[in-house]
């Protein structure tokens, strides 16, 4: 059962990242501000979410090697901070 849930979460993140990357739709991330370069921002956010999906599968496969839910939670928080950093860099024009 855990394998199915992990695989579903991983595939969901990869598909969501691919959708954001291809459709260049970031309004639900950047609702308060208008993105300066929507194409670049959507590529960066899409890549970040695809990478989260890949990390989800890797963490599940390495759970016997000391990677547990706490480590995965730290990775998710790190991804959220990176997402906020990407939004800030977009507003600064970098």
PDB file of N, CA and C in Angstrom:
ATOM      1  N   UNK A   1       0.819  -1.200   0.000  1.00  0.00           N
ATOM      2  CA  UNK A   1       0.000   0.000   0.000  1.00  0.00           C
ATOM      3  C   UNK A   1       0.860   1.260   0.000  1.00  0.00           C
ATOM      4  N   UNK A   2       1.957   1.246   0.785  1.00  0.00           N
ATOM      5  CA  UNK A   2       2.846   2.399   0.820  1.00  0.00           C
ATOM      6  C   UNK A   2       3.492   2.679  -0.536  1.00  0.00           C
ATOM      7  N   UNK A   3       3.782   1.612  -1.266  1.00  0.00           N
ATOM      8  CA  UNK A   3       4.392   1.782  -2.580  1.00  0.00           C
ATOM      9  C   UNK A   3       3.432   2.500  -3.516  1.00  0.00           C
ATOM     10  N   UNK A   4       2.163   2.152  -3.459  1.00  0.00           N
ATOM     11  CA  UNK A   4       1.163   2.773  -4.325  1.00  0.00           C
ATOM     12  C   UNK A   4       0.994   4.250  -3.986  1.00  0.00           C
ATOM     13  N   UNK A   5       0.942   4.571  -2.705  1.00  0.00           N
ATOM     14  CA  UNK A   5       0.785   5.966  -2.284  1.00  0.00           C
ATOM     15  C   UNK A   5       2.003   6.783  -2.693  1.00  0.00           C
ATOM     16  N   UNK A   6       3.193   6.240  -2.474  1.00  0.00           N
ATOM     17  CA  UNK A   6       4.413   6.957  -2.838  1.00  0.00           C
ATOM     18  C   UNK A   6       4.512   7.149  -4.348  1.00  0.00           C
ATOM     19  N   UNK A   7       4.203   6.114  -5.089  1.00  0.00           N
ATOM     20  CA  UNK A   7       4.236   6.215  -6.549  1.00  0.00           C
ATOM     21  C   UNK A   7       3.210   7.217  -7.050  1.00  0.00           C
ATOM     22  N   UNK A   8       2.027   7.223  -6.464  1.00  0.00           N
ATOM     23  CA  UNK A   8       0.994   8.184  -6.863  1.00  0.00           C
ATOM     24  C   UNK A   8       1.418   9.612  -6.552  1.00  0.00           C
ATOM     25  N   UNK A   9       2.009   9.846  -5.383  1.00  0.00           N
ATOM     26  CA  UNK A   9       2.469  11.188  -5.027  1.00  0.00           C
ATOM     27  C   UNK A   9       3.594  11.632  -5.945  1.00  0.00           C
ATOM     28  N   UNK A  10       4.510  10.736  -6.237  1.00  0.00           N
ATOM     29  CA  UNK A  10       5.628  11.068  -7.113  1.00  0.00           C
ATOM     30  C   UNK A  10       5.145  11.414  -8.525  1.00  0.00           C
ATOM     31  N   UNK A  11       4.252  10.587  -9.056  1.00  0.00           N
ATOM     32  CA  UNK A  11       3.714  10.850 -10.401  1.00  0.00           C
ATOM     33  C   UNK A  11       2.908  12.143 -10.409  1.00  0.00           C
ATOM     34  N   UNK A  12       2.161  12.411  -9.339  1.00  0.00           N
ATOM     35  CA  UNK A  12       1.387  13.650  -9.257  1.00  0.00           C
ATOM     36  C   UNK A  12       2.302  14.867  -9.322  1.00  0.00           C
ATOM     37  N   UNK A  13       3.389  14.856  -8.550  1.00  0.00           N
ATOM     38  CA  UNK A  13       4.298  15.997  -8.560  1.00  0.00           C
ATOM     39  C   UNK A  13       4.975  16.171  -9.924  1.00  0.00           C
ATOM     40  N   UNK A  14       5.354  15.070 -10.539  1.00  0.00           N
ATOM     41  CA  UNK A  14       5.992  15.161 -11.858  1.00  0.00           C
ATOM     42  C   UNK A  14       5.008  15.701 -12.887  1.00  0.00           C
ATOM     43  N   UNK A  15       3.775  15.219 -12.874  1.00  0.00           N
ATOM     44  CA  UNK A  15       2.772  15.710 -13.827  1.00  0.00           C
ATOM     45  C   UNK A  15       2.411  17.172 -13.564  1.00  0.00           C
ATOM     46  N   UNK A  16       2.308  17.556 -12.297  1.00  0.00           N
ATOM     47  CA  UNK A  16       2.019  18.947 -11.966  1.00  0.00           C
ATOM     48  C   UNK A  16       3.144  19.863 -12.428  1.00  0.00           C
ATOM     49  N   UNK A  17       4.379  19.460 -12.199  1.00  0.00           N
ATOM     50  CA  UNK A  17       5.515  20.251 -12.664  1.00  0.00           C
ATOM     51  C   UNK A  17       5.566  20.359 -14.177  1.00  0.00           C
ATOM     52  N   UNK A  18       5.262  19.260 -14.851  1.00  0.00           N
ATOM     53  CA  UNK A  18       5.236  19.287 -16.321  1.00  0.00           C
ATOM     54  C   UNK A  18       4.130  20.202 -16.824  1.00  0.00           C
ATOM     55  N   UNK A  19       2.966  20.166 -16.170  1.00  0.00           N
ATOM     56  CA  UNK A  19       1.859  21.040 -16.563  1.00  0.00           C
ATOM     57  C   UNK A  19       2.241  22.513 -16.395  1.00  0.00           C
ATOM     58  N   UNK A  20       2.850  22.846 -15.282  1.00  0.00           N
ATOM     59  CA  UNK A  20       3.256  24.246 -15.052  1.00  0.00           C
ATOM     60  C   UNK A  20       4.311  24.658 -16.057  1.00  0.00           C
ATOM     61  N   UNK A  21       5.256  23.779 -16.336  1.00  0.00           N
ATOM     62  CA  UNK A  21       6.333  24.083 -17.269  1.00  0.00           C
ATOM     63  C   UNK A  21       5.769  24.320 -18.669  1.00  0.00           C
ATOM     64  N   UNK A  22       4.882  23.443 -19.118  1.00  0.00           N
ATOM     65  CA  UNK A  22       4.369  23.534 -20.487  1.00  0.00           C
ATOM     66  C   UNK A  22       3.329  24.634 -20.661  1.00  0.00           C
ATOM     67  N   UNK A  23       2.446  24.805 -19.678  1.00  0.00           N
ATOM     68  CA  UNK A  23       1.369  25.779 -19.853  1.00  0.00           C
ATOM     69  C   UNK A  23       1.779  27.193 -19.493  1.00  0.00           C
ATOM     70  N   UNK A  24       2.909  27.339 -18.794  1.00  0.00           N
ATOM     71  CA  UNK A  24       3.405  28.649 -18.366  1.00  0.00           C
ATOM     72  C   UNK A  24       2.360  29.397 -17.554  1.00  0.00           C
ATOM     73  N   UNK A  25       1.678  28.660 -16.673  1.00  0.00           N
ATOM     74  CA  UNK A  25       0.639  29.232 -15.835  1.00  0.00           C
ATOM     75  C   UNK A  25       1.123  29.258 -14.394  1.00  0.00           C
ATOM     76  N   UNK A  26       1.367  30.446 -13.876  1.00  0.00           N
ATOM     77  CA  UNK A  26       1.867  30.579 -12.503  1.00  0.00           C
ATOM     78  C   UNK A  26       0.987  31.504 -11.676  1.00  0.00           C
ATOM     79  N   UNK A  27      -0.230  31.738 -12.095  1.00  0.00           N
ATOM     80  CA  UNK A  27      -1.088  32.689 -11.380  1.00  0.00           C
ATOM     81  C   UNK A  27      -1.418  32.201  -9.971  1.00  0.00           C
ATOM     82  N   UNK A  28      -1.505  30.898  -9.769  1.00  0.00           N
ATOM     83  CA  UNK A  28      -1.841  30.411  -8.437  1.00  0.00           C
ATOM     84  C   UNK A  28      -0.651  30.500  -7.481  1.00  0.00           C
ATOM     85  N   UNK A  29       0.578  30.647  -7.996  1.00  0.00           N
ATOM     86  CA  UNK A  29       1.736  30.885  -7.138  1.00  0.00           C
ATOM     87  C   UNK A  29       1.953  32.371  -6.911  1.00  0.00           C
ATOM     88  N   UNK A  30       1.783  33.130  -7.945  1.00  0.00           N
ATOM     89  CA  UNK A  30       2.102  34.551  -7.895  1.00  0.00           C
ATOM     90  C   UNK A  30       0.822  35.379  -7.961  1.00  0.00           C
ATOM     91  N   UNK A  31      -0.125  35.092  -7.093  1.00  0.00           N
ATOM     92  CA  UNK A  31      -1.427  35.760  -7.133  1.00  0.00           C
ATOM     93  C   UNK A  31      -1.330  37.226  -6.714  1.00  0.00           C
ATOM     94  N   UNK A  32      -0.481  37.525  -5.756  1.00  0.00           N
ATOM     95  CA  UNK A  32      -0.381  38.887  -5.241  1.00  0.00           C
ATOM     96  C   UNK A  32       0.337  39.834  -6.190  1.00  0.00           C
ATOM     97  N   UNK A  33       1.302  39.313  -6.922  1.00  0.00           N
ATOM     98  CA  UNK A  33       2.113  40.144  -7.801  1.00  0.00           C
ATOM     99  C   UNK A  33       2.072  39.566  -9.209  1.00  0.00           C
ATOM    100  N   UNK A  34       2.308  40.412 -10.174  1.00  0.00           N
ATOM    101  CA  UNK A  34       2.372  39.977 -11.561  1.00  0.00           C
ATOM    102  C   UNK A  34       3.802  39.567 -11.880  1.00  0.00           C
ATOM    103  N   UNK A  35       4.006  38.340 -12.360  1.00  0.00           N
ATOM    104  CA  UNK A  35       5.371  37.909 -12.685  1.00  0.00           C
ATOM    105  C   UNK A  35       5.955  38.756 -13.812  1.00  0.00           C
ATOM    106  N   UNK A  36       7.210  39.107 -13.675  1.00  0.00           N
ATOM    107  CA  UNK A  36       7.869  39.904 -14.718  1.00  0.00           C
ATOM    108  C   UNK A  36       8.144  39.066 -15.958  1.00  0.00           C
ATOM    109  N   UNK A  37       8.630  37.865 -15.752  1.00  0.00           N
ATOM    110  CA  UNK A  37       8.916  36.974 -16.871  1.00  0.00           C
ATOM    111  C   UNK A  37       8.235  35.640 -16.598  1.00  0.00           C
ATOM    112  N   UNK A  38       7.014  35.519 -17.048  1.00  0.00           N
ATOM    113  CA  UNK A  38       6.181  34.351 -16.750  1.00  0.00           C
ATOM    114  C   UNK A  38       6.778  33.069 -17.312  1.00  0.00           C
ATOM    115  N   UNK A  39       7.402  33.137 -18.472  1.00  0.00           N
ATOM    116  CA  UNK A  39       7.958  31.943 -19.107  1.00  0.00           C
ATOM    117  C   UNK A  39       9.107  31.367 -18.278  1.00  0.00           C
ATOM    118  N   UNK A  40      10.020  32.223 -17.865  1.00  0.00           N
ATOM    119  CA  UNK A  40      11.160  31.762 -17.075  1.00  0.00           C
ATOM    120  C   UNK A  40      10.701  31.285 -15.699  1.00  0.00           C
ATOM    121  N   UNK A  41       9.779  32.021 -15.088  1.00  0.00           N
ATOM    122  CA  UNK A  41       9.277  31.631 -13.770  1.00  0.00           C
ATOM    123  C   UNK A  41       8.568  30.285 -13.825  1.00  0.00           C
ATOM    124  N   UNK A  42       7.768  30.057 -14.857  1.00  0.00           N
ATOM    125  CA  UNK A  42       7.059  28.777 -14.951  1.00  0.00           C
ATOM    126  C   UNK A  42       8.030  27.627 -15.193  1.00  0.00           C
ATOM    127  N   UNK A  43       9.088  27.851 -15.961  1.00  0.00           N
ATOM    128  CA  UNK A  43      10.089  26.798 -16.164  1.00  0.00           C
ATOM    129  C   UNK A  43      10.791  26.461 -14.856  1.00  0.00           C
ATOM    130  N   UNK A  44      11.163  27.495 -14.101  1.00  0.00           N
ATOM    131  CA  UNK A  44      11.860  27.263 -12.836  1.00  0.00           C
ATOM    132  C   UNK A  44      10.963  26.553 -11.820  1.00  0.00           C
ATOM    133  N   UNK A  45       9.725  27.002 -11.693  1.00  0.00           N
ATOM    134  CA  UNK A  45       8.801  26.378 -10.741  1.00  0.00           C
ATOM    135  C   UNK A  45       8.459  24.959 -11.189  1.00  0.00           C
ATOM    136  N   UNK A  46       8.252  24.761 -12.481  1.00  0.00           N
ATOM    137  CA  UNK A  46       7.974  23.421 -12.995  1.00  0.00           C
ATOM    138  C   UNK A  46       9.115  22.463 -12.719  1.00  0.00           C
ATOM    139  N   UNK A  47      10.344  22.914 -12.942  1.00  0.00           N
ATOM    140  CA  UNK A  47      11.507  22.067 -12.665  1.00  0.00           C
ATOM    141  C   UNK A  47      11.596  21.742 -11.178  1.00  0.00           C
ATOM    142  N   UNK A  48      11.329  22.717 -10.330  1.00  0.00           N
ATOM    143  CA  UNK A  48      11.393  22.499  -8.887  1.00  0.00           C
ATOM    144  C   UNK A  48      10.371  21.456  -8.441  1.00  0.00           C
ATOM    145  N   UNK A  49       9.174  21.504  -8.991  1.00  0.00           N
ATOM    146  CA  UNK A  49       8.134  20.542  -8.600  1.00  0.00           C
ATOM    147  C   UNK A  49       8.423  19.162  -9.188  1.00  0.00           C
ATOM    148  N   UNK A  50       8.944  19.100 -10.411  1.00  0.00           N
ATOM    149  CA  UNK A  50       9.348  17.809 -10.981  1.00  0.00           C
ATOM    150  C   UNK A  50      10.446  17.183 -10.118  1.00  0.00           C
ATOM    151  N   UNK A  51      11.395  17.996  -9.682  1.00  0.00           N
ATOM    152  CA  UNK A  51      12.477  17.503  -8.836  1.00  0.00           C
ATOM    153  C   UNK A  51      11.939  17.003  -7.494  1.00  0.00           C
ATOM    154  N   UNK A  52      10.908  17.655  -6.957  1.00  0.00           N
ATOM    155  CA  UNK A  52      10.277  17.185  -5.725  1.00  0.00           C
ATOM    156  C   UNK A  52       9.644  15.807  -5.934  1.00  0.00           C
ATOM    157  N   UNK A  53       9.032  15.592  -7.082  1.00  0.00           N
ATOM    158  CA  UNK A  53       8.465  14.286  -7.383  1.00  0.00           C
ATOM    159  C   UNK A  53       9.518  13.199  -7.471  1.00  0.00           C
ATOM    160  N   UNK A  54      10.647  13.527  -8.073  1.00  0.00           N
ATOM    161  CA  UNK A  54      11.746  12.559  -8.155  1.00  0.00           C
ATOM    162  C   UNK A  54      12.316  12.280  -6.763  1.00  0.00           C
ATOM    163  N   UNK A  55      12.457  13.337  -5.957  1.00  0.00           N
ATOM    164  CA  UNK A  55      12.952  13.151  -4.590  1.00  0.00           C
ATOM    165  C   UNK A  55      11.980  12.334  -3.745  1.00  0.00           C
ATOM    166  N   UNK A  56      10.692  12.462  -4.010  1.00  0.00           N
ATOM    167  CA  UNK A  56       9.705  11.664  -3.280  1.00  0.00           C
ATOM    168  C   UNK A  56       9.955  10.183  -3.505  1.00  0.00           C
ATOM    169  N   UNK A  57      10.195   9.800  -4.741  1.00  0.00           N
ATOM    170  CA  UNK A  57      10.459   8.394  -5.040  1.00  0.00           C
ATOM    171  C   UNK A  57      11.804   7.956  -4.461  1.00  0.00           C
ATOM    172  N   UNK A  58      12.811   8.805  -4.560  1.00  0.00           N
ATOM    173  CA  UNK A  58      14.126   8.444  -4.020  1.00  0.00           C
ATOM    174  C   UNK A  58      14.060   8.270  -2.511  1.00  0.00           C
ATOM    175  N   UNK A  59      13.371   9.170  -1.813  1.00  0.00           N
ATOM    176  CA  UNK A  59      13.249   9.038  -0.349  1.00  0.00           C
ATOM    177  C   UNK A  59      12.521   7.761   0.031  1.00  0.00           C
ATOM    178  N   UNK A  60      11.526   7.380  -0.747  1.00  0.00           N
ATOM    179  CA  UNK A  60      10.822   6.134  -0.451  1.00  0.00           C
ATOM    180  C   UNK A  60      11.732   4.931  -0.669  1.00  0.00           C
ATOM    181  N   UNK A  61      12.512   4.966  -1.731  1.00  0.00           N
ATOM    182  CA  UNK A  61      13.398   3.840  -2.015  1.00  0.00           C
ATOM    183  C   UNK A  61      14.530   3.740  -0.992  1.00  0.00           C
ATOM    184  N   UNK A  62      14.940   4.869  -0.421  1.00  0.00           N
ATOM    185  CA  UNK A  62      16.041   4.873   0.544  1.00  0.00           C
ATOM    186  C   UNK A  62      15.575   4.891   1.993  1.00  0.00           C
ATOM    187  N   UNK A  63      14.316   4.579   2.240  1.00  0.00           N
ATOM    188  CA  UNK A  63      13.812   4.667   3.613  1.00  0.00           C
ATOM    189  C   UNK A  63      14.492   3.669   4.539  1.00  0.00           C
ATOM    190  N   UNK A  64      15.044   2.608   4.012  1.00  0.00           N
ATOM    191  CA  UNK A  64      15.786   1.657   4.824  1.00  0.00           C
ATOM    192  C   UNK A  64      17.178   2.148   5.174  1.00  0.00           C
ATOM    193  N   UNK A  65      17.662   3.161   4.483  1.00  0.00           N
ATOM    194  CA  UNK A  65      19.014   3.689   4.708  1.00  0.00           C
ATOM    195  C   UNK A  65      19.011   4.893   5.644  1.00  0.00           C
ATOM    196  N   UNK A  66      17.967   5.042   6.439  1.00  0.00           N
ATOM    197  CA  UNK A  66      17.945   6.134   7.405  1.00  0.00           C
ATOM    198  C   UNK A  66      17.153   7.347   6.969  1.00  0.00           C
ATOM    199  N   UNK A  67      16.579   7.338   5.772  1.00  0.00           N
ATOM    200  CA  UNK A  67      15.746   8.441   5.311  1.00  0.00           C
ATOM    201  C   UNK A  67      14.328   8.163   5.799  1.00  0.00           C
ATOM    202  N   UNK A  68      13.809   9.011   6.665  1.00  0.00           N
ATOM    203  CA  UNK A  68      12.467   8.784   7.186  1.00  0.00           C
ATOM    204  C   UNK A  68      11.579   9.985   6.869  1.00  0.00           C
ATOM    205  N   UNK A  69      10.415  10.021   7.483  1.00  0.00           N
ATOM    206  CA  UNK A  69       9.459  11.099   7.216  1.00  0.00           C
ATOM    207  C   UNK A  69       9.965  12.469   7.615  1.00  0.00           C
ATOM    208  N   UNK A  70      10.785  12.527   8.652  1.00  0.00           N
ATOM    209  CA  UNK A  70      11.339  13.812   9.086  1.00  0.00           C
ATOM    210  C   UNK A  70      12.250  14.402   8.011  1.00  0.00           C
ATOM    211  N   UNK A  71      13.078  13.568   7.435  1.00  0.00           N
ATOM    212  CA  UNK A  71      13.984  14.038   6.375  1.00  0.00           C
ATOM    213  C   UNK A  71      13.184  14.495   5.155  1.00  0.00           C
ATOM    214  N   UNK A  72      12.128  13.763   4.816  1.00  0.00           N
ATOM    215  CA  UNK A  72      11.293  14.160   3.681  1.00  0.00           C
ATOM    216  C   UNK A  72      10.591  15.485   3.982  1.00  0.00           C
ATOM    217  N   UNK A  73      10.127  15.663   5.212  1.00  0.00           N
ATOM    218  CA  UNK A  73       9.494  16.927   5.596  1.00  0.00           C
ATOM    219  C   UNK A  73      10.458  18.097   5.476  1.00  0.00           C
ATOM    220  N   UNK A  74      11.708  17.883   5.851  1.00  0.00           N
ATOM    221  CA  UNK A  74      12.722  18.929   5.712  1.00  0.00           C
ATOM    222  C   UNK A  74      12.935  19.254   4.242  1.00  0.00           C
ATOM    223  N   UNK A  75      12.956  18.242   3.384  1.00  0.00           N
ATOM    224  CA  UNK A  75      13.104  18.477   1.943  1.00  0.00           C
ATOM    225  C   UNK A  75      11.928  19.266   1.381  1.00  0.00           C
ATOM    226  N   UNK A  76      10.725  18.963   1.836  1.00  0.00           N
ATOM    227  CA  UNK A  76       9.548  19.690   1.360  1.00  0.00           C
ATOM    228  C   UNK A  76       9.612  21.155   1.805  1.00  0.00           C
ATOM    229  N   UNK A  77       9.999  21.402   3.042  1.00  0.00           N
ATOM    230  CA  UNK A  77      10.139  22.783   3.521  1.00  0.00           C
ATOM    231  C   UNK A  77      11.213  23.508   2.725  1.00  0.00           C
ATOM    232  N   UNK A  78      12.300  22.821   2.408  1.00  0.00           N
ATOM    233  CA  UNK A  78      13.357  23.410   1.586  1.00  0.00           C
ATOM    234  C   UNK A  78      12.820  23.781   0.207  1.00  0.00           C
ATOM    235  N   UNK A  79      11.986  22.940  -0.375  1.00  0.00           N
ATOM    236  CA  UNK A  79      11.404  23.241  -1.681  1.00  0.00           C
ATOM    237  C   UNK A  79      10.455  24.439  -1.605  1.00  0.00           C
ATOM    238  N   UNK A  80       9.710  24.553  -0.530  1.00  0.00           N
ATOM    239  CA  UNK A  80       8.818  25.708  -0.366  1.00  0.00           C
ATOM    240  C   UNK A  80       9.639  26.989  -0.265  1.00  0.00           C
ATOM    241  N   UNK A  81      10.739  26.947   0.482  1.00  0.00           N
ATOM    242  CA  UNK A  81      11.609  28.128   0.581  1.00  0.00           C
ATOM    243  C   UNK A  81      12.241  28.473  -0.765  1.00  0.00           C
ATOM    244  N   UNK A  82      12.622  27.450  -1.526  1.00  0.00           N
ATOM    245  CA  UNK A  82      13.150  27.704  -2.867  1.00  0.00           C
ATOM    246  C   UNK A  82      12.095  28.325  -3.778  1.00  0.00           C
ATOM    247  N   UNK A  83      10.858  27.886  -3.631  1.00  0.00           N
ATOM    248  CA  UNK A  83       9.770  28.451  -4.419  1.00  0.00           C
ATOM    249  C   UNK A  83       9.587  29.935  -4.096  1.00  0.00           C
ATOM    250  N   UNK A  84       9.613  30.271  -2.826  1.00  0.00           N
ATOM    251  CA  UNK A  84       9.507  31.676  -2.428  1.00  0.00           C
ATOM    252  C   UNK A  84      10.700  32.479  -2.921  1.00  0.00           C
ATOM    253  N   UNK A  85      11.883  31.875  -2.900  1.00  0.00           N
ATOM    254  CA  UNK A  85      13.072  32.544  -3.428  1.00  0.00           C
ATOM    255  C   UNK A  85      12.934  32.795  -4.929  1.00  0.00           C
ATOM    256  N   UNK A  86      12.388  31.826  -5.661  1.00  0.00           N
ATOM    257  CA  UNK A  86      12.181  32.015  -7.100  1.00  0.00           C
ATOM    258  C   UNK A  86      11.211  33.159  -7.376  1.00  0.00           C
ATOM    259  N   UNK A  87      10.153  33.262  -6.572  1.00  0.00           N
ATOM    260  CA  UNK A  87       9.209  34.361  -6.738  1.00  0.00           C
ATOM    261  C   UNK A  87       9.876  35.699  -6.443  1.00  0.00           C
ATOM    262  N   UNK A  88      10.706  35.742  -5.409  1.00  0.00           N
ATOM    263  CA  UNK A  88      11.409  36.976  -5.082  1.00  0.00           C
ATOM    264  C   UNK A  88      12.408  37.358  -6.158  1.00  0.00           C
ATOM    265  N   UNK A  89      13.132  36.374  -6.685  1.00  0.00           N
ATOM    266  CA  UNK A  89      14.102  36.660  -7.750  1.00  0.00           C
ATOM    267  C   UNK A  89      13.395  37.162  -9.013  1.00  0.00           C
ATOM    268  N   UNK A  90      12.212  36.642  -9.278  1.00  0.00           N
ATOM    269  CA  UNK A  90      11.452  37.115 -10.428  1.00  0.00           C
ATOM    270  C   UNK A  90      11.074  38.576 -10.259  1.00  0.00           C
ATOM    271  N   UNK A  91      10.681  38.953  -9.054  1.00  0.00           N
ATOM    272  CA  UNK A  91      10.294  40.346  -8.812  1.00  0.00           C
ATOM    273  C   UNK A  91      11.495  41.284  -8.852  1.00  0.00           C
ATOM    274  N   UNK A  92      12.682  40.770  -8.507  1.00  0.00           N
ATOM    275  CA  UNK A  92      13.892  41.586  -8.567  1.00  0.00           C
ATOM    276  C   UNK A  92      14.440  41.678  -9.990  1.00  0.00           C
ATOM    277  N   UNK A  93      13.940  40.825 -10.872  1.00  0.00           N
ATOM    278  CA  UNK A  93      14.385  40.868 -12.267  1.00  0.00           C
ATOM    279  C   UNK A  93      15.640  40.081 -12.518  1.00  0.00           C
ATOM    280  N   UNK A  94      15.963  39.130 -11.663  1.00  0.00           N
ATOM    281  CA  UNK A  94      17.192  38.337 -11.819  1.00  0.00           C
ATOM    282  C   UNK A  94      16.891  37.116 -12.654  1.00  0.00           C
TER     283      UNK A  94
END
